[in-house]
PDB file of N, CA and C in Angstrom:
ATOM      1  N   UNK A   1      91.608 112.890 119.198  1.00  0.00           N
ATOM      2  CA  UNK A   1      91.517 113.961 118.231  1.00  0.00           C
ATOM      3  C   UNK A   1      91.221 113.358 116.855  1.00  0.00           C
ATOM      4  N   UNK A   2      90.181 113.844 116.202  1.00  0.00           N
ATOM      5  CA  UNK A   2      89.829 113.346 114.869  1.00  0.00           C
ATOM      6  C   UNK A   2      90.503 114.180 113.801  1.00  0.00           C
ATOM      7  N   UNK A   3      90.866 113.513 112.716  1.00  0.00           N
ATOM      8  CA  UNK A   3      91.438 114.228 111.582  1.00  0.00           C
ATOM      9  C   UNK A   3      90.306 114.664 110.656  1.00  0.00           C
ATOM     10  N   UNK A   4      90.488 115.810 110.047  1.00  0.00           N
ATOM     11  CA  UNK A   4      89.486 116.262 109.089  1.00  0.00           C
ATOM     12  C   UNK A   4      89.570 115.392 107.833  1.00  0.00           C
ATOM     13  N   UNK A   5      88.488 115.323 107.073  1.00  0.00           N
ATOM     14  CA  UNK A   5      88.519 114.505 105.841  1.00  0.00           C
ATOM     15  C   UNK A   5      89.599 114.949 104.859  1.00  0.00           C
ATOM     16  N   UNK A   6      89.845 116.242 104.799  1.00  0.00           N
ATOM     17  CA  UNK A   6      90.878 116.743 103.885  1.00  0.00           C
ATOM     18  C   UNK A   6      92.258 116.269 104.339  1.00  0.00           C
ATOM     19  N   UNK A   7      92.524 116.345 105.641  1.00  0.00           N
ATOM     20  CA  UNK A   7      93.823 115.895 106.159  1.00  0.00           C
ATOM     21  C   UNK A   7      93.989 114.397 105.953  1.00  0.00           C
ATOM     22  N   UNK A   8      92.909 113.648 106.158  1.00  0.00           N
ATOM     23  CA  UNK A   8      92.978 112.200 105.965  1.00  0.00           C
ATOM     24  C   UNK A   8      93.262 111.858 104.503  1.00  0.00           C
ATOM     25  N   UNK A   9      92.634 112.593 103.586  1.00  0.00           N
ATOM     26  CA  UNK A   9      92.857 112.347 102.158  1.00  0.00           C
ATOM     27  C   UNK A   9      94.298 112.690 101.770  1.00  0.00           C
ATOM     28  N   UNK A  10      94.810 113.812 102.292  1.00  0.00           N
ATOM     29  CA  UNK A  10      96.197 114.185 102.004  1.00  0.00           C
ATOM     30  C   UNK A  10      97.178 113.160 102.551  1.00  0.00           C
ATOM     31  N   UNK A  11      96.889 112.648 103.735  1.00  0.00           N
ATOM     32  CA  UNK A  11      97.755 111.625 104.323  1.00  0.00           C
ATOM     33  C   UNK A  11      97.726 110.353 103.482  1.00  0.00           C
ATOM     34  N   UNK A  12      96.557 109.974 103.009  1.00  0.00           N
ATOM     35  CA  UNK A  12      96.450 108.777 102.174  1.00  0.00           C
ATOM     36  C   UNK A  12      97.201 108.957 100.860  1.00  0.00           C
ATOM     37  N   UNK A  13      97.048 110.133 100.233  1.00  0.00           N
ATOM     38  CA  UNK A  13      97.779 110.390  98.982  1.00  0.00           C
ATOM     39  C   UNK A  13      99.286 110.416  99.220  1.00  0.00           C
ATOM     40  N   UNK A  14      99.714 110.980 100.324  1.00  0.00           N
ATOM     41  CA  UNK A  14     101.142 111.010 100.641  1.00  0.00           C
ATOM     42  C   UNK A  14     101.703 109.615 100.854  1.00  0.00           C
ATOM     43  N   UNK A  15     100.943 108.760 101.553  1.00  0.00           N
ATOM     44  CA  UNK A  15     101.396 107.386 101.777  1.00  0.00           C
ATOM     45  C   UNK A  15     101.469 106.616 100.460  1.00  0.00           C
ATOM     46  N   UNK A  16     100.450 106.805  99.597  1.00  0.00           N
ATOM     47  CA  UNK A  16     100.459 106.123  98.301  1.00  0.00           C
ATOM     48  C   UNK A  16     101.629 106.598  97.448  1.00  0.00           C
ATOM     49  N   UNK A  17     101.919 107.894  97.475  1.00  0.00           N
ATOM     50  CA  UNK A  17     103.048 108.423  96.707  1.00  0.00           C
ATOM     51  C   UNK A  17     104.364 107.868  97.230  1.00  0.00           C
ATOM     52  N   UNK A  18     104.498 107.732  98.548  1.00  0.00           N
ATOM     53  CA  UNK A  18     105.731 107.184  99.128  1.00  0.00           C
ATOM     54  C   UNK A  18     105.925 105.727  98.714  1.00  0.00           C
ATOM     55  N   UNK A  19     104.844 104.959  98.697  1.00  0.00           N
ATOM     56  CA  UNK A  19     104.936 103.557  98.261  1.00  0.00           C
ATOM     57  C   UNK A  19     105.346 103.487  96.796  1.00  0.00           C
ATOM     58  N   UNK A  20     104.748 104.333  95.951  1.00  0.00           N
ATOM     59  CA  UNK A  20     105.108 104.317  94.535  1.00  0.00           C
ATOM     60  C   UNK A  20     106.571 104.691  94.321  1.00  0.00           C
ATOM     61  N   UNK A  21     107.051 105.686  95.032  1.00  0.00           N
ATOM     62  CA  UNK A  21     108.460 106.079  94.905  1.00  0.00           C
ATOM     63  C   UNK A  21     109.368 104.935  95.335  1.00  0.00           C
ATOM     64  N   UNK A  22     109.006 104.243  96.411  1.00  0.00           N
ATOM     65  CA  UNK A  22     109.820 103.118  96.876  1.00  0.00           C
ATOM     66  C   UNK A  22     109.852 101.996  95.844  1.00  0.00           C
ATOM     67  N   UNK A  23     108.706 101.696  95.239  1.00  0.00           N
ATOM     68  CA  UNK A  23     108.658 100.636  94.230  1.00  0.00           C
ATOM     69  C   UNK A  23     109.479 101.030  93.007  1.00  0.00           C
ATOM     70  N   UNK A  24     109.337 102.266  92.540  1.00  0.00           N
ATOM     71  CA  UNK A  24     110.115 102.700  91.385  1.00  0.00           C
ATOM     72  C   UNK A  24     111.605 102.717  91.696  1.00  0.00           C
ATOM     73  N   UNK A  25     111.982 103.022  92.926  1.00  0.00           N
ATOM     74  CA  UNK A  25     113.399 103.000  93.309  1.00  0.00           C
ATOM     75  C   UNK A  25     113.943 101.577  93.248  1.00  0.00           C
ATOM     76  N   UNK A  26     113.114 100.590  93.610  1.00  0.00           N
ATOM     77  CA  UNK A  26     113.574  99.201  93.552  1.00  0.00           C
ATOM     78  C   UNK A  26     113.822  98.753  92.109  1.00  0.00           C
ATOM     79  N   UNK A  27     113.080  99.313  91.155  1.00  0.00           N
ATOM     80  CA  UNK A  27     113.265  98.930  89.760  1.00  0.00           C
ATOM     81  C   UNK A  27     114.605  99.382  89.203  1.00  0.00           C
ATOM     82  N   UNK A  28     115.301 100.268  89.887  1.00  0.00           N
ATOM     83  CA  UNK A  28     116.621 100.700  89.417  1.00  0.00           C
ATOM     84  C   UNK A  28     117.706  99.699  89.802  1.00  0.00           C
ATOM     85  N   UNK A  29     117.334  98.677  90.582  1.00  0.00           N
ATOM     86  CA  UNK A  29     118.303  97.655  91.007  1.00  0.00           C
ATOM     87  C   UNK A  29     117.981  96.344  90.295  1.00  0.00           C
ATOM     88  N   UNK A  30     118.677  96.028  89.194  1.00  0.00           N
ATOM     89  CA  UNK A  30     118.356  94.831  88.415  1.00  0.00           C
ATOM     90  C   UNK A  30     118.471  93.541  89.212  1.00  0.00           C
ATOM     91  N   UNK A  31     119.405  93.455  90.137  1.00  0.00           N
ATOM     92  CA  UNK A  31     119.569  92.218  90.900  1.00  0.00           C
ATOM     93  C   UNK A  31     118.337  91.926  91.746  1.00  0.00           C
ATOM     94  N   UNK A  32     117.680  92.986  92.233  1.00  0.00           N
ATOM     95  CA  UNK A  32     116.459  92.799  93.011  1.00  0.00           C
ATOM     96  C   UNK A  32     115.367  92.194  92.137  1.00  0.00           C
ATOM     97  N   UNK A  33     115.279  92.650  90.891  1.00  0.00           N
ATOM     98  CA  UNK A  33     114.261  92.114  89.988  1.00  0.00           C
ATOM     99  C   UNK A  33     114.519  90.645  89.677  1.00  0.00           C
ATOM    100  N   UNK A  34     115.775  90.273  89.487  1.00  0.00           N
ATOM    101  CA  UNK A  34     116.119  88.879  89.229  1.00  0.00           C
ATOM    102  C   UNK A  34     115.774  88.027  90.453  1.00  0.00           C
ATOM    103  N   UNK A  35     116.082  88.520  91.628  1.00  0.00           N
ATOM    104  CA  UNK A  35     115.769  87.794  92.858  1.00  0.00           C
ATOM    105  C   UNK A  35     114.261  87.624  93.021  1.00  0.00           C
ATOM    106  N   UNK A  36     113.501  88.664  92.744  1.00  0.00           N
ATOM    107  CA  UNK A  36     112.051  88.586  92.844  1.00  0.00           C
ATOM    108  C   UNK A  36     111.492  87.582  91.841  1.00  0.00           C
ATOM    109  N   UNK A  37     112.000  87.599  90.625  1.00  0.00           N
ATOM    110  CA  UNK A  37     111.545  86.641  89.618  1.00  0.00           C
ATOM    111  C   UNK A  37     111.869  85.215  90.030  1.00  0.00           C
ATOM    112  N   UNK A  38     113.048  85.012  90.610  1.00  0.00           N
ATOM    113  CA  UNK A  38     113.415  83.670  91.086  1.00  0.00           C
ATOM    114  C   UNK A  38     112.484  83.191  92.195  1.00  0.00           C
ATOM    115  N   UNK A  39     112.107  84.093  93.090  1.00  0.00           N
ATOM    116  CA  UNK A  39     111.210  83.726  94.182  1.00  0.00           C
ATOM    117  C   UNK A  39     109.823  83.372  93.658  1.00  0.00           C
ATOM    118  N   UNK A  40     109.331  84.150  92.695  1.00  0.00           N
ATOM    119  CA  UNK A  40     108.018  83.850  92.112  1.00  0.00           C
ATOM    120  C   UNK A  40     108.062  82.534  91.367  1.00  0.00           C
ATOM    121  N   UNK A  41     109.144  82.303  90.642  1.00  0.00           N
ATOM    122  CA  UNK A  41     109.278  81.047  89.894  1.00  0.00           C
ATOM    123  C   UNK A  41     109.333  79.854  90.859  1.00  0.00           C
ATOM    124  N   UNK A  42     109.987  80.024  91.990  1.00  0.00           N
ATOM    125  CA  UNK A  42     110.075  78.943  92.968  1.00  0.00           C
ATOM    126  C   UNK A  42     108.701  78.622  93.549  1.00  0.00           C
ATOM    127  N   UNK A  43     107.844  79.612  93.680  1.00  0.00           N
ATOM    128  CA  UNK A  43     106.506  79.365  94.226  1.00  0.00           C
ATOM    129  C   UNK A  43     105.596  78.668  93.225  1.00  0.00           C
ATOM    130  N   UNK A  44     105.641  79.098  91.960  1.00  0.00           N
ATOM    131  CA  UNK A  44     104.678  78.625  90.977  1.00  0.00           C
ATOM    132  C   UNK A  44     105.278  77.790  89.863  1.00  0.00           C
ATOM    133  N   UNK A  45     106.585  77.643  89.870  1.00  0.00           N
ATOM    134  CA  UNK A  45     107.245  76.876  88.827  1.00  0.00           C
ATOM    135  C   UNK A  45     107.110  75.374  89.046  1.00  0.00           C
ATOM    136  N   UNK A  46     107.708  74.598  88.168  1.00  0.00           N
ATOM    137  CA  UNK A  46     107.607  73.135  88.285  1.00  0.00           C
ATOM    138  C   UNK A  46     108.342  72.564  89.476  1.00  0.00           C
TER     139      UNK A  46
END
């Protein structure tokens, strides 16, 4: 069964909105941001 272009576009927008909500929810947890910064620093730091 093929999806119509409109349904496919709505599904794509819904998935993108869900990802954005998840990312913004992670920003409310400061410890997660510190952990992420530490991981990035470990990869590219001295």
